[in-house]
N, C-alpha and C. Protein backbone atom coordinates (compact mmCIF):
# COMPACT_ATOMS: atom_id res chain seq x y z
N MET A 1 0.85 -1.18 0.00
CA MET A 1 0.00 0.00 0.00
C MET A 1 0.89 1.24 0.00
N ARG A 2 0.64 2.10 -0.94
CA ARG A 2 1.44 3.31 -1.06
C ARG A 2 0.54 4.53 -1.13
N LYS A 3 -0.56 4.51 -0.35
CA LYS A 3 -1.49 5.63 -0.34
C LYS A 3 -1.61 6.17 1.09
N ILE A 4 -1.40 7.48 1.22
CA ILE A 4 -1.51 8.18 2.50
C ILE A 4 -2.58 9.24 2.36
N ALA A 5 -3.64 9.16 3.14
CA ALA A 5 -4.69 10.18 3.11
C ALA A 5 -4.20 11.42 3.86
N ILE A 6 -4.30 12.56 3.22
CA ILE A 6 -3.97 13.83 3.88
C ILE A 6 -5.28 14.53 4.16
N LEU A 7 -5.58 14.71 5.45
CA LEU A 7 -6.85 15.31 5.84
C LEU A 7 -6.85 16.81 5.56
N ALA A 8 -7.98 17.31 5.10
CA ALA A 8 -8.12 18.73 4.80
C ALA A 8 -9.44 19.25 5.36
N ALA A 9 -9.39 20.43 5.91
CA ALA A 9 -10.58 21.13 6.38
C ALA A 9 -10.26 22.62 6.33
N ALA A 10 -11.28 23.44 6.52
CA ALA A 10 -11.09 24.89 6.48
C ALA A 10 -10.00 25.33 7.45
N GLU A 11 -9.19 26.26 6.99
CA GLU A 11 -8.12 26.87 7.78
C GLU A 11 -7.02 25.89 8.19
N TYR A 12 -6.73 24.93 7.29
CA TYR A 12 -5.59 24.04 7.52
C TYR A 12 -4.31 24.87 7.45
N GLU A 13 -3.24 24.40 8.06
CA GLU A 13 -1.94 25.07 7.93
C GLU A 13 -1.38 24.71 6.56
N ASP A 14 -1.32 25.69 5.68
CA ASP A 14 -0.96 25.48 4.28
C ASP A 14 0.30 24.64 4.10
N LEU A 15 1.39 25.02 4.76
CA LEU A 15 2.65 24.29 4.61
C LEU A 15 2.55 22.85 5.09
N GLU A 16 1.72 22.60 6.11
CA GLU A 16 1.64 21.27 6.70
C GLU A 16 0.77 20.32 5.88
N VAL A 17 0.13 20.82 4.85
CA VAL A 17 -0.54 19.96 3.87
C VAL A 17 0.36 19.79 2.65
N TRP A 18 0.83 20.90 2.10
CA TRP A 18 1.50 20.86 0.80
C TRP A 18 2.92 20.32 0.87
N TYR A 19 3.68 20.63 1.90
CA TYR A 19 5.04 20.09 1.98
C TYR A 19 5.01 18.56 2.08
N PRO A 20 4.26 17.98 3.03
CA PRO A 20 4.20 16.51 3.09
C PRO A 20 3.61 15.87 1.83
N LYS A 21 2.59 16.50 1.25
CA LYS A 21 1.98 15.95 0.03
C LYS A 21 3.04 15.85 -1.07
N LEU A 22 3.78 16.93 -1.30
CA LEU A 22 4.81 16.92 -2.35
C LEU A 22 5.94 15.95 -2.00
N ARG A 23 6.31 15.87 -0.72
CA ARG A 23 7.38 14.96 -0.29
C ARG A 23 6.97 13.51 -0.50
N LEU A 24 5.73 13.19 -0.14
CA LEU A 24 5.22 11.83 -0.34
C LEU A 24 5.16 11.48 -1.82
N GLU A 25 4.62 12.38 -2.62
CA GLU A 25 4.51 12.10 -4.05
C GLU A 25 5.88 11.96 -4.70
N ALA A 26 6.86 12.75 -4.27
CA ALA A 26 8.22 12.63 -4.80
C ALA A 26 8.85 11.30 -4.42
N SER A 27 8.35 10.68 -3.34
CA SER A 27 8.86 9.39 -2.89
C SER A 27 8.05 8.22 -3.43
N GLY A 28 7.12 8.50 -4.33
CA GLY A 28 6.36 7.44 -4.98
C GLY A 28 5.05 7.06 -4.32
N PHE A 29 4.60 7.83 -3.35
CA PHE A 29 3.34 7.54 -2.68
C PHE A 29 2.20 8.32 -3.34
N ASP A 30 1.01 7.76 -3.27
CA ASP A 30 -0.21 8.47 -3.65
C ASP A 30 -0.66 9.20 -2.39
N ALA A 31 -0.95 10.50 -2.51
CA ALA A 31 -1.30 11.30 -1.34
C ALA A 31 -2.55 12.13 -1.60
N PRO A 32 -3.71 11.49 -1.67
CA PRO A 32 -4.94 12.23 -1.93
C PRO A 32 -5.36 13.09 -0.74
N LEU A 33 -5.99 14.22 -1.05
CA LEU A 33 -6.56 15.07 0.00
C LEU A 33 -7.94 14.53 0.33
N VAL A 34 -8.23 14.39 1.62
CA VAL A 34 -9.50 13.84 2.08
C VAL A 34 -10.14 14.83 3.04
N GLY A 35 -11.34 15.27 2.71
CA GLY A 35 -12.08 16.20 3.56
C GLY A 35 -13.34 15.56 4.10
N VAL A 36 -13.99 16.25 5.00
CA VAL A 36 -15.29 15.78 5.48
C VAL A 36 -16.23 15.68 4.28
N GLU A 37 -16.15 16.66 3.40
CA GLU A 37 -16.88 16.65 2.14
C GLU A 37 -15.88 16.77 1.00
N LYS A 38 -16.27 16.33 -0.17
CA LYS A 38 -15.42 16.46 -1.36
C LYS A 38 -15.67 17.86 -1.93
N THR A 39 -14.91 18.84 -1.41
CA THR A 39 -15.10 20.24 -1.77
C THR A 39 -13.77 20.97 -1.67
N LYS A 40 -13.78 22.27 -1.90
CA LYS A 40 -12.57 23.08 -1.80
C LYS A 40 -12.48 23.69 -0.40
N TYR A 41 -11.28 23.63 0.17
CA TYR A 41 -11.01 24.21 1.48
C TYR A 41 -9.93 25.26 1.33
N ALA A 42 -10.03 26.34 2.09
CA ALA A 42 -9.00 27.38 2.08
C ALA A 42 -8.12 27.21 3.31
N GLY A 43 -6.81 27.31 3.10
CA GLY A 43 -5.86 27.22 4.20
C GLY A 43 -5.85 28.49 5.02
N LYS A 44 -5.13 28.46 6.14
CA LYS A 44 -4.99 29.64 7.00
C LYS A 44 -4.45 30.84 6.23
N TRP A 45 -3.60 30.58 5.26
CA TRP A 45 -2.96 31.65 4.50
C TRP A 45 -3.59 31.79 3.11
N GLY A 46 -4.74 31.12 2.91
CA GLY A 46 -5.52 31.33 1.71
C GLY A 46 -5.29 30.38 0.57
N TYR A 47 -4.36 29.43 0.69
CA TYR A 47 -4.10 28.52 -0.42
C TYR A 47 -5.22 27.50 -0.51
N PRO A 48 -5.81 27.31 -1.68
CA PRO A 48 -6.93 26.37 -1.80
C PRO A 48 -6.49 24.91 -1.88
N ALA A 49 -7.32 24.04 -1.37
CA ALA A 49 -7.10 22.59 -1.46
C ALA A 49 -8.43 21.95 -1.85
N LEU A 50 -8.44 21.28 -2.97
CA LEU A 50 -9.64 20.58 -3.42
C LEU A 50 -9.53 19.12 -2.97
N ALA A 51 -10.45 18.70 -2.11
CA ALA A 51 -10.44 17.32 -1.62
C ALA A 51 -10.70 16.35 -2.76
N ASP A 52 -9.85 15.33 -2.85
CA ASP A 52 -10.03 14.28 -3.85
C ASP A 52 -11.14 13.32 -3.46
N HIS A 53 -11.34 13.18 -2.14
CA HIS A 53 -12.34 12.24 -1.60
C HIS A 53 -12.97 12.84 -0.36
N SER A 54 -14.17 12.39 -0.04
CA SER A 54 -14.75 12.69 1.27
C SER A 54 -14.32 11.57 2.21
N SER A 55 -14.36 11.85 3.49
CA SER A 55 -13.88 10.86 4.47
C SER A 55 -14.71 9.58 4.49
N ASP A 56 -15.95 9.64 4.05
CA ASP A 56 -16.76 8.41 4.07
C ASP A 56 -16.71 7.64 2.75
N GLU A 57 -16.02 8.15 1.73
CA GLU A 57 -15.94 7.41 0.48
C GLU A 57 -14.58 6.77 0.24
N ILE A 58 -13.57 7.11 1.04
CA ILE A 58 -12.26 6.50 0.85
C ILE A 58 -12.18 5.22 1.67
N ASP A 59 -11.57 4.20 1.10
CA ASP A 59 -11.47 2.90 1.75
C ASP A 59 -10.27 2.87 2.69
N ALA A 60 -10.53 2.78 3.99
CA ALA A 60 -9.45 2.77 4.98
C ALA A 60 -8.47 1.62 4.73
N ALA A 61 -8.95 0.52 4.21
CA ALA A 61 -8.08 -0.64 3.96
C ALA A 61 -7.06 -0.37 2.85
N SER A 62 -7.30 0.65 2.05
CA SER A 62 -6.37 0.98 0.97
C SER A 62 -5.26 1.93 1.42
N LEU A 63 -5.31 2.36 2.69
CA LEU A 63 -4.38 3.38 3.18
C LEU A 63 -3.25 2.81 4.02
N ALA A 64 -2.06 3.32 3.79
CA ALA A 64 -0.91 2.98 4.64
C ALA A 64 -0.82 3.95 5.81
N GLY A 65 -1.53 5.06 5.74
CA GLY A 65 -1.48 6.04 6.82
C GLY A 65 -2.40 7.21 6.58
N VAL A 66 -2.49 8.04 7.60
CA VAL A 66 -3.28 9.27 7.57
C VAL A 66 -2.39 10.39 8.07
N LEU A 67 -2.39 11.51 7.36
CA LEU A 67 -1.64 12.68 7.79
C LEU A 67 -2.64 13.76 8.19
N ALA A 68 -2.51 14.27 9.41
CA ALA A 68 -3.37 15.34 9.89
C ALA A 68 -2.54 16.61 10.03
N PRO A 69 -2.82 17.65 9.24
CA PRO A 69 -2.07 18.88 9.32
C PRO A 69 -2.49 19.71 10.52
N GLY A 70 -1.72 20.74 10.79
CA GLY A 70 -2.06 21.66 11.87
C GLY A 70 -2.99 22.76 11.38
N GLY A 71 -2.92 23.89 12.05
CA GLY A 71 -3.83 24.99 11.78
C GLY A 71 -5.11 24.76 12.57
N TRP A 72 -6.20 25.32 12.09
CA TRP A 72 -7.48 25.13 12.78
C TRP A 72 -8.20 23.89 12.27
N ALA A 73 -7.69 23.27 11.23
CA ALA A 73 -8.35 22.10 10.62
C ALA A 73 -8.57 20.95 11.60
N PRO A 74 -7.58 20.56 12.41
CA PRO A 74 -7.80 19.41 13.29
C PRO A 74 -8.98 19.61 14.25
N ASP A 75 -9.21 20.85 14.66
CA ASP A 75 -10.34 21.11 15.56
C ASP A 75 -11.66 20.82 14.86
N LYS A 76 -11.71 21.09 13.58
CA LYS A 76 -12.93 20.80 12.81
C LYS A 76 -13.03 19.30 12.48
N LEU A 77 -11.90 18.70 12.12
CA LEU A 77 -11.90 17.29 11.72
C LEU A 77 -12.27 16.36 12.87
N ARG A 78 -11.79 16.66 14.07
CA ARG A 78 -12.03 15.77 15.21
C ARG A 78 -13.49 15.74 15.65
N ARG A 79 -14.29 16.64 15.12
CA ARG A 79 -15.71 16.71 15.47
C ARG A 79 -16.59 15.88 14.54
N ASP A 80 -15.99 15.31 13.51
CA ASP A 80 -16.76 14.55 12.53
C ASP A 80 -16.53 13.06 12.72
N ASN A 81 -17.59 12.32 13.00
CA ASN A 81 -17.48 10.88 13.26
C ASN A 81 -16.95 10.10 12.07
N ARG A 82 -17.22 10.56 10.86
CA ARG A 82 -16.72 9.85 9.67
C ARG A 82 -15.19 9.94 9.60
N VAL A 83 -14.64 11.10 9.93
CA VAL A 83 -13.19 11.27 9.96
C VAL A 83 -12.59 10.42 11.08
N LEU A 84 -13.22 10.46 12.25
CA LEU A 84 -12.74 9.66 13.37
C LEU A 84 -12.76 8.17 13.05
N ASP A 85 -13.81 7.71 12.39
CA ASP A 85 -13.89 6.29 11.99
C ASP A 85 -12.77 5.93 11.02
N LEU A 86 -12.49 6.82 10.07
CA LEU A 86 -11.41 6.58 9.12
C LEU A 86 -10.07 6.46 9.84
N VAL A 87 -9.78 7.40 10.73
CA VAL A 87 -8.51 7.39 11.46
C VAL A 87 -8.40 6.17 12.36
N ARG A 88 -9.48 5.83 13.04
CA ARG A 88 -9.47 4.63 13.90
C ARG A 88 -9.23 3.36 13.09
N SER A 89 -9.85 3.27 11.93
CA SER A 89 -9.68 2.07 11.09
C SER A 89 -8.24 1.93 10.62
N VAL A 90 -7.64 3.03 10.19
CA VAL A 90 -6.26 2.98 9.72
C VAL A 90 -5.33 2.68 10.90
N ASP A 91 -5.59 3.29 12.04
CA ASP A 91 -4.76 3.06 13.23
C ASP A 91 -4.83 1.59 13.66
N SER A 92 -6.01 1.02 13.68
CA SER A 92 -6.15 -0.37 14.13
C SER A 92 -5.46 -1.34 13.16
N ALA A 93 -5.27 -0.92 11.91
CA ALA A 93 -4.56 -1.75 10.94
C ALA A 93 -3.06 -1.50 10.97
N GLY A 94 -2.61 -0.60 11.86
CA GLY A 94 -1.18 -0.34 12.00
C GLY A 94 -0.67 0.85 11.23
N GLY A 95 -1.55 1.67 10.66
CA GLY A 95 -1.13 2.87 9.93
C GLY A 95 -0.89 4.04 10.87
N ASN A 96 -0.52 5.20 10.31
CA ASN A 96 -0.22 6.38 11.13
C ASN A 96 -1.50 7.05 11.58
N ALA A 97 -1.73 7.18 12.87
CA ALA A 97 -2.87 7.93 13.39
C ALA A 97 -2.70 8.12 14.88
N GLY A 98 -3.23 9.23 15.39
CA GLY A 98 -3.17 9.51 16.82
C GLY A 98 -1.94 10.31 17.19
N ALA A 99 -1.85 10.75 18.46
CA ALA A 99 -0.68 11.51 18.90
C ALA A 99 -0.67 11.72 20.40
N GLU A 100 0.53 11.90 20.94
CA GLU A 100 0.73 12.35 22.32
C GLU A 100 1.79 13.43 22.23
N TRP A 101 1.52 14.62 22.75
CA TRP A 101 2.40 15.77 22.56
C TRP A 101 3.66 15.68 23.41
N VAL A 102 4.81 15.95 22.78
CA VAL A 102 6.10 16.14 23.45
C VAL A 102 6.81 17.28 22.73
N ASP A 103 7.77 17.90 23.41
CA ASP A 103 8.46 19.07 22.86
C ASP A 103 9.71 18.65 22.09
N GLU A 104 9.52 18.04 20.91
CA GLU A 104 10.62 17.63 20.05
C GLU A 104 10.21 17.89 18.60
N ALA A 105 11.21 18.10 17.74
CA ALA A 105 10.94 18.42 16.34
C ALA A 105 10.21 17.28 15.63
N VAL A 106 10.63 16.05 15.87
CA VAL A 106 9.99 14.87 15.26
C VAL A 106 9.97 13.76 16.29
N VAL A 107 8.84 13.08 16.36
CA VAL A 107 8.70 11.94 17.26
C VAL A 107 8.15 10.77 16.45
N VAL A 108 8.78 9.61 16.60
CA VAL A 108 8.28 8.38 16.00
C VAL A 108 7.95 7.45 17.16
N ASP A 109 6.67 7.12 17.30
CA ASP A 109 6.20 6.26 18.38
C ASP A 109 5.34 5.17 17.75
N ARG A 110 5.91 3.97 17.63
CA ARG A 110 5.26 2.85 16.95
C ARG A 110 4.83 3.26 15.55
N ASN A 111 3.54 3.41 15.29
CA ASN A 111 3.06 3.77 13.96
C ASN A 111 2.68 5.24 13.84
N ILE A 112 3.15 6.07 14.76
CA ILE A 112 2.83 7.50 14.74
C ILE A 112 4.09 8.30 14.50
N VAL A 113 4.04 9.16 13.49
CA VAL A 113 5.13 10.09 13.21
C VAL A 113 4.53 11.48 13.32
N SER A 114 5.11 12.32 14.18
CA SER A 114 4.54 13.65 14.37
C SER A 114 5.63 14.70 14.52
N SER A 115 5.23 15.95 14.30
CA SER A 115 6.13 17.09 14.50
C SER A 115 5.30 18.26 15.00
N LEU A 116 6.00 19.35 15.34
CA LEU A 116 5.33 20.46 16.00
C LEU A 116 4.91 21.62 15.10
N VAL A 117 5.84 22.15 14.35
CA VAL A 117 5.60 23.41 13.63
C VAL A 117 6.14 23.32 12.20
N PRO A 118 5.73 24.24 11.32
CA PRO A 118 6.18 24.18 9.94
C PRO A 118 7.70 24.12 9.75
N LYS A 119 8.48 24.74 10.61
CA LYS A 119 9.94 24.69 10.43
C LYS A 119 10.49 23.26 10.61
N ASP A 120 9.71 22.37 11.22
CA ASP A 120 10.11 20.97 11.41
C ASP A 120 9.78 20.09 10.21
N LEU A 121 9.15 20.65 9.18
CA LEU A 121 8.68 19.84 8.07
C LEU A 121 9.77 19.06 7.35
N PRO A 122 10.98 19.59 7.13
CA PRO A 122 12.00 18.75 6.48
C PRO A 122 12.32 17.49 7.30
N ALA A 123 12.49 17.63 8.60
CA ALA A 123 12.77 16.46 9.45
C ALA A 123 11.56 15.54 9.50
N PHE A 124 10.37 16.11 9.55
CA PHE A 124 9.14 15.32 9.56
C PHE A 124 9.01 14.52 8.26
N GLY A 125 9.24 15.19 7.13
CA GLY A 125 9.13 14.51 5.84
C GLY A 125 10.08 13.34 5.74
N GLU A 126 11.31 13.52 6.20
CA GLU A 126 12.30 12.44 6.16
C GLU A 126 11.87 11.28 7.05
N ALA A 127 11.44 11.58 8.28
CA ALA A 127 11.03 10.53 9.22
C ALA A 127 9.77 9.80 8.72
N MET A 128 8.85 10.55 8.15
CA MET A 128 7.60 9.97 7.66
C MET A 128 7.88 8.99 6.51
N VAL A 129 8.64 9.42 5.53
CA VAL A 129 8.94 8.55 4.39
C VAL A 129 9.77 7.36 4.84
N ASP A 130 10.72 7.58 5.75
CA ASP A 130 11.53 6.47 6.27
C ASP A 130 10.65 5.42 6.93
N TRP A 131 9.71 5.85 7.78
CA TRP A 131 8.80 4.91 8.45
C TRP A 131 7.97 4.15 7.42
N LEU A 132 7.43 4.86 6.46
CA LEU A 132 6.59 4.22 5.44
C LEU A 132 7.37 3.22 4.60
N GLU A 133 8.59 3.56 4.25
CA GLU A 133 9.41 2.64 3.46
C GLU A 133 9.74 1.36 4.25
N ARG A 134 9.98 1.50 5.55
CA ARG A 134 10.31 0.33 6.37
C ARG A 134 9.11 -0.52 6.72
N HIS A 135 7.90 0.03 6.65
CA HIS A 135 6.70 -0.70 7.09
C HIS A 135 5.67 -0.91 6.00
N ARG A 136 6.05 -0.80 4.76
CA ARG A 136 5.04 -0.98 3.71
C ARG A 136 4.83 -2.42 3.36
């Protein structure tokens, strides 16, 4: 499986969607944008993102992981049961989902790869692709 769902919602952190998406695609992964609805979302800084799929139409079994960007998007995404079901399904199959906060640039904890802020994206991208390559 070489597909990673990138979650999108209104006011996502622009860099935290587009940098990982481009990094994943450059590494040979499919990285579709997945929203609560299949519509266009505007980032915090105004960059548009058109969701390729809605959260209830993408097959969790086809995913190697889920990427949740920062910004205000996670607050909106966590309120939707369809998104939560998708993340839980991927997590229970061993994909990337969930988090526990620590003050480090990148943390790899079992099947979870996370980072804090946009300046950490290069280290995050490297750790994310490394984890995916070792566990695909």
